[in-house]
C-alpha atoms as a PDB file:
ATOM      1  CA  MET A   1      82.343  85.237 125.317  1.00  0.00           C
ATOM      2  CA  GLY A   2      80.560  84.307 122.133  1.00  0.00           C
ATOM      3  CA  LEU A   3      81.840  84.352 118.605  1.00  0.00           C
ATOM      4  CA  ASN A   4      80.914  87.200 116.316  1.00  0.00           C
ATOM      5  CA  LEU A   5      79.394  86.718 112.885  1.00  0.00           C
ATOM      6  CA  HIS A   6      82.726  86.926 111.015  1.00  0.00           C
ATOM      7  CA  GLN A   7      84.356  84.257 113.245  1.00  0.00           C
ATOM      8  CA  LEU A   8      81.312  81.913 112.749  1.00  0.00           C
ATOM      9  CA  ILE A   9      81.455  82.373 109.006  1.00  0.00           C
ATOM     10  CA  ILE A  10      85.129  81.637 108.880  1.00  0.00           C
ATOM     11  CA  LEU A  11      84.783  78.595 111.197  1.00  0.00           C
ATOM     12  CA  GLY A  12      81.933  77.253 109.033  1.00  0.00           C
ATOM     13  CA  LEU A  13      83.998  77.640 105.873  1.00  0.00           C
ATOM     14  CA  LEU A  14      87.049  76.043 107.394  1.00  0.00           C
ATOM     15  CA  GLN A  15      85.038  73.081 108.603  1.00  0.00           C
ATOM     16  CA  SER A  16      83.171  72.474 105.305  1.00  0.00           C
ATOM     17  CA  LYS A  17      86.042  73.321 102.938  1.00  0.00           C
ATOM     18  CA  PRO A  18      89.531  72.534 104.464  1.00  0.00           C
ATOM     19  CA  HIS A  19      91.308  73.989 101.301  1.00  0.00           C
ATOM     20  CA  TYR A  20      90.027  77.368 102.431  1.00  0.00           C
ATOM     21  CA  ILE A  21      92.612  77.312 105.173  1.00  0.00           C
ATOM     22  CA  GLY A  22      95.316  77.752 102.594  1.00  0.00           C
ATOM     23  CA  GLN A  23      93.413  80.535 100.860  1.00  0.00           C
ATOM     24  CA  LEU A  24      92.819  82.278 104.198  1.00  0.00           C
ATOM     25  CA  ALA A  25      96.559  81.997 105.057  1.00  0.00           C
ATOM     26  CA  THR A  26      97.471  83.509 101.686  1.00  0.00           C
ATOM     27  CA  SER A  27      95.022  86.363 102.183  1.00  0.00           C
ATOM     28  CA  LEU A  28      96.233  87.129 105.662  1.00  0.00           C
ATOM     29  CA  GLU A  29      99.861  86.928 104.571  1.00  0.00           C
ATOM     30  CA  SER A  30      99.295  89.401 101.766  1.00  0.00           C
ATOM     31  CA  ASN A  31      97.787  91.861 104.102  1.00  0.00           C
ATOM     32  CA  HIS A  32     100.086  91.228 107.019  1.00  0.00           C
ATOM     33  CA  ALA A  33     102.701  93.831 106.225  1.00  0.00           C
ATOM     34  CA  THR A  34     100.089  96.475 105.740  1.00  0.00           C
ATOM     35  CA  VAL A  35      98.446  95.650 109.101  1.00  0.00           C
ATOM     36  CA  ARG A  36     101.868  95.772 110.832  1.00  0.00           C
ATOM     37  CA  ARG A  37     102.679  99.235 109.323  1.00  0.00           C
ATOM     38  CA  MET A  38      99.269 100.578 110.552  1.00  0.00           C
ATOM     39  CA  VAL A  39      99.750  99.210 114.034  1.00  0.00           C
ATOM     40  CA  MET A  40     103.232 100.612 114.176  1.00  0.00           C
ATOM     41  CA  ARG A  41     101.897 104.086 113.229  1.00  0.00           C
ATOM     42  CA  LEU A  42      99.298 103.812 116.031  1.00  0.00           C
ATOM     43  CA  SER A  43     102.057 102.716 118.428  1.00  0.00           C
ATOM     44  CA  ASP A  44     104.178 105.738 117.414  1.00  0.00           C
ATOM     45  CA  THR A  45     101.368 108.136 118.468  1.00  0.00           C
ATOM     46  CA  GLY A  46     101.720 106.925 122.030  1.00  0.00           C
ATOM     47  CA  LEU A  47      97.968 106.047 122.263  1.00  0.00           C
ATOM     48  CA  LYS A  48      97.021 102.942 124.096  1.00  0.00           C
ATOM     49  CA  GLU A  49      94.594 100.173 123.191  1.00  0.00           C
ATOM     50  CA  GLN A  50      91.739  99.693 125.675  1.00  0.00           C
ATOM     51  CA  VAL A  51      91.377  95.951 126.199  1.00  0.00           C
ATOM     52  CA  TYR A  52      88.649  94.351 128.233  1.00  0.00           C
ATOM     53  CA  ASP A  53      90.059  91.941 130.819  1.00  0.00           C
ATOM     54  CA  LYS A  54      87.966  89.324 132.601  1.00  0.00           C
ATOM     55  CA  ALA A  55      89.657  90.275 135.748  1.00  0.00           C
ATOM     56  CA  PRO A  56      87.705  92.417 138.210  1.00  0.00           C
ATOM     57  CA  THR A  57      89.648  95.436 137.096  1.00  0.00           C
ATOM     58  CA  GLY A  58      87.743  95.541 133.728  1.00  0.00           C
ATOM     59  CA  TYR A  59      89.505  97.473 130.993  1.00  0.00           C
ATOM     60  CA  GLN A  60      93.239  97.592 130.733  1.00  0.00           C
ATOM     61  CA  SER A  61      95.528  99.793 128.640  1.00  0.00           C
ATOM     62  CA  ARG A  62      98.211  98.275 126.532  1.00  0.00           C
ATOM     63  CA  PRO A  63     100.473  99.530 123.795  1.00  0.00           C
ATOM     64  CA  PHE A  64      99.325  98.939 120.248  1.00  0.00           C
ATOM     65  CA  SER A  65     102.607  97.214 119.585  1.00  0.00           C
ATOM     66  CA  ALA A  66     101.185  94.290 121.450  1.00  0.00           C
ATOM     67  CA  LEU A  67      98.815  93.768 118.541  1.00  0.00           C
ATOM     68  CA  ILE A  68     101.771  93.040 116.322  1.00  0.00           C
ATOM     69  CA  LYS A  69     102.608  89.967 118.376  1.00  0.00           C
ATOM     70  CA  LEU A  70      99.016  88.785 118.219  1.00  0.00           C
ATOM     71  CA  THR A  71      98.813  89.352 114.445  1.00  0.00           C
ATOM     72  CA  ASP A  72     102.038  87.370 113.955  1.00  0.00           C
ATOM     73  CA  GLU A  73     100.890  84.550 116.114  1.00  0.00           C
ATOM     74  CA  GLY A  74      97.454  84.363 114.438  1.00  0.00           C
ATOM     75  CA  LEU A  75      99.067  84.262 110.968  1.00  0.00           C
ATOM     76  CA  ASN A  76     101.498  81.570 112.022  1.00  0.00           C
ATOM     77  CA  ARG A  77      98.564  79.389 113.537  1.00  0.00           C
ATOM     78  CA  ILE A  78      96.607  79.677 110.249  1.00  0.00           C
ATOM     79  CA  LYS A  79      99.679  78.897 108.226  1.00  0.00           C
ATOM     80  CA  SER A  80     100.483  75.808 110.269  1.00  0.00           C
ATOM     81  CA  LEU A  81      97.019  74.442 109.603  1.00  0.00           C
ATOM     82  CA  SER A  82      97.457  74.690 105.798  1.00  0.00           C
END
């Protein structure tokens, strides 16, 4: 699977300007609580996220609360780089 434009821009910035990692971590951290609240509200509705799986089954449903774990892990990875 290829990278989207936003991912390519972020990767380019991180490679050319390593101090941007700290700025990115700060930005993500400041929005982290808001994202978590929004995801919890979605989770409370009982709706499921449709996720494409490379397995032959195709799309899978998973609770939105699984996004919180991914968000937390992503933030921790970025923070560990700075």
